[in-house]
Amino acid sequence: MEVFSFLFNFTFYYPLFMAYVWMLGAIYYYFYWERKCTTELPTLSQYPPVSILIPCHNEGDNARETINIG
């Protein structure tokens, strides 16, 4: 019975413990790494064209209808 009690406690408390570890790690990462990053978008004289790719198999007509091309 001692083994079953240990296994039950392990399976119950381990996910709770690891959830707290992950949350504390995320908070640490945010305050010590992400807040220091100052990423600013570069100012360009011209912006490049943008392509949007939509993966679909045999759905050309539906894609045109959804996107409403010309």
C-alpha atoms as a PDB file:
ATOM      1  CA  MET A   1       0.000   0.000   0.000  1.00  0.00           C
ATOM      2  CA  GLU A   2       2.945   2.303   0.549  1.00  0.00           C
ATOM      3  CA  VAL A   3       3.827   2.115  -3.145  1.00  0.00           C
ATOM      4  CA  PHE A   4       0.291   2.980  -4.237  1.00  0.00           C
ATOM      5  CA  SER A   5       0.198   5.930  -1.882  1.00  0.00           C
ATOM      6  CA  PHE A   6       3.519   7.179  -3.262  1.00  0.00           C
ATOM      7  CA  LEU A   7       2.381   6.752  -6.871  1.00  0.00           C
ATOM      8  CA  PHE A   8      -0.904   8.512  -6.196  1.00  0.00           C
ATOM      9  CA  ASN A   9       0.840  11.428  -4.500  1.00  0.00           C
ATOM     10  CA  PHE A  10       3.395  11.622  -7.299  1.00  0.00           C
ATOM     11  CA  THR A  11       0.798  11.626 -10.071  1.00  0.00           C
ATOM     12  CA  PHE A  12      -1.288  14.210  -8.242  1.00  0.00           C
ATOM     13  CA  TYR A  13       1.380  16.637  -7.033  1.00  0.00           C
ATOM     14  CA  TYR A  14       3.960  16.430  -9.824  1.00  0.00           C
ATOM     15  CA  PRO A  15       1.849  18.293 -12.456  1.00  0.00           C
ATOM     16  CA  LEU A  16       0.981  20.972  -9.905  1.00  0.00           C
ATOM     17  CA  PHE A  17       4.624  21.416  -8.940  1.00  0.00           C
ATOM     18  CA  MET A  18       5.776  21.538 -12.564  1.00  0.00           C
ATOM     19  CA  ALA A  19       3.068  24.073 -13.450  1.00  0.00           C
ATOM     20  CA  TYR A  20       4.438  26.398 -10.785  1.00  0.00           C
ATOM     21  CA  VAL A  21       7.991  25.835 -12.016  1.00  0.00           C
ATOM     22  CA  TRP A  22       6.966  26.719 -15.592  1.00  0.00           C
ATOM     23  CA  MET A  23       5.074  29.825 -14.447  1.00  0.00           C
ATOM     24  CA  LEU A  24       7.989  31.048 -12.354  1.00  0.00           C
ATOM     25  CA  GLY A  25      10.349  30.376 -15.255  1.00  0.00           C
ATOM     26  CA  ALA A  26       8.117  32.366 -17.606  1.00  0.00           C
ATOM     27  CA  ILE A  27       7.963  35.279 -15.174  1.00  0.00           C
ATOM     28  CA  TYR A  28      11.749  35.205 -14.764  1.00  0.00           C
ATOM     29  CA  TYR A  29      12.239  35.101 -18.543  1.00  0.00           C
ATOM     30  CA  TYR A  30       9.860  38.015 -19.081  1.00  0.00           C
ATOM     31  CA  PHE A  31      11.415  40.319 -16.493  1.00  0.00           C
ATOM     32  CA  TYR A  32      15.056  39.525 -17.204  1.00  0.00           C
ATOM     33  CA  TRP A  33      15.050  39.075 -20.979  1.00  0.00           C
ATOM     34  CA  GLU A  34      11.920  40.254 -22.789  1.00  0.00           C
ATOM     35  CA  ARG A  35      11.523  43.600 -21.037  1.00  0.00           C
ATOM     36  CA  LYS A  36      15.078  44.540 -21.957  1.00  0.00           C
ATOM     37  CA  CYS A  37      14.523  43.900 -25.649  1.00  0.00           C
ATOM     38  CA  THR A  38      13.646  47.072 -27.486  1.00  0.00           C
ATOM     39  CA  THR A  39      12.880  45.976 -30.988  1.00  0.00           C
ATOM     40  CA  GLU A  40      11.865  48.875 -33.139  1.00  0.00           C
ATOM     41  CA  LEU A  41      10.690  48.473 -36.680  1.00  0.00           C
ATOM     42  CA  PRO A  42      13.148  49.885 -39.187  1.00  0.00           C
ATOM     43  CA  THR A  43      12.065  52.904 -41.165  1.00  0.00           C
ATOM     44  CA  LEU A  44      12.343  52.124 -44.850  1.00  0.00           C
ATOM     45  CA  SER A  45      12.014  54.423 -47.817  1.00  0.00           C
ATOM     46  CA  GLN A  46       9.984  51.719 -49.587  1.00  0.00           C
ATOM     47  CA  TYR A  47       8.297  48.701 -48.103  1.00  0.00           C
ATOM     48  CA  PRO A  48       8.534  45.405 -49.993  1.00  0.00           C
ATOM     49  CA  PRO A  49       5.373  43.801 -51.350  1.00  0.00           C
ATOM     50  CA  VAL A  50       3.786  41.154 -49.181  1.00  0.00           C
ATOM     51  CA  SER A  51       2.545  37.768 -50.335  1.00  0.00           C
ATOM     52  CA  ILE A  52      -0.104  35.799 -48.506  1.00  0.00           C
ATOM     53  CA  LEU A  53       0.044  32.056 -49.044  1.00  0.00           C
ATOM     54  CA  ILE A  54      -3.013  29.947 -48.321  1.00  0.00           C
ATOM     55  CA  PRO A  55      -2.448  26.199 -48.516  1.00  0.00           C
ATOM     56  CA  CYS A  56      -5.449  24.459 -50.057  1.00  0.00           C
ATOM     57  CA  HIS A  57      -5.907  21.327 -52.140  1.00  0.00           C
ATOM     58  CA  ASN A  58      -8.330  21.572 -55.061  1.00  0.00           C
ATOM     59  CA  GLU A  59      -9.968  24.628 -53.508  1.00  0.00           C
ATOM     60  CA  GLY A  60      -9.079  27.299 -56.051  1.00  0.00           C
ATOM     61  CA  ASP A  61     -12.673  28.383 -56.683  1.00  0.00           C
ATOM     62  CA  ASN A  62     -13.474  28.535 -52.981  1.00  0.00           C
ATOM     63  CA  ALA A  63     -10.298  30.507 -52.287  1.00  0.00           C
ATOM     64  CA  ARG A  64     -11.227  33.086 -54.922  1.00  0.00           C
ATOM     65  CA  GLU A  65     -14.734  33.366 -53.500  1.00  0.00           C
ATOM     66  CA  THR A  66     -13.425  33.733 -49.953  1.00  0.00           C
ATOM     67  CA  ILE A  67     -10.746  36.273 -50.804  1.00  0.00           C
ATOM     68  CA  ASN A  68     -13.009  38.035 -53.316  1.00  0.00           C
ATOM     69  CA  ILE A  69     -10.386  38.640 -55.976  1.00  0.00           C
ATOM     70  CA  GLY A  70     -11.295  41.130 -58.613  1.00  0.00           C
END
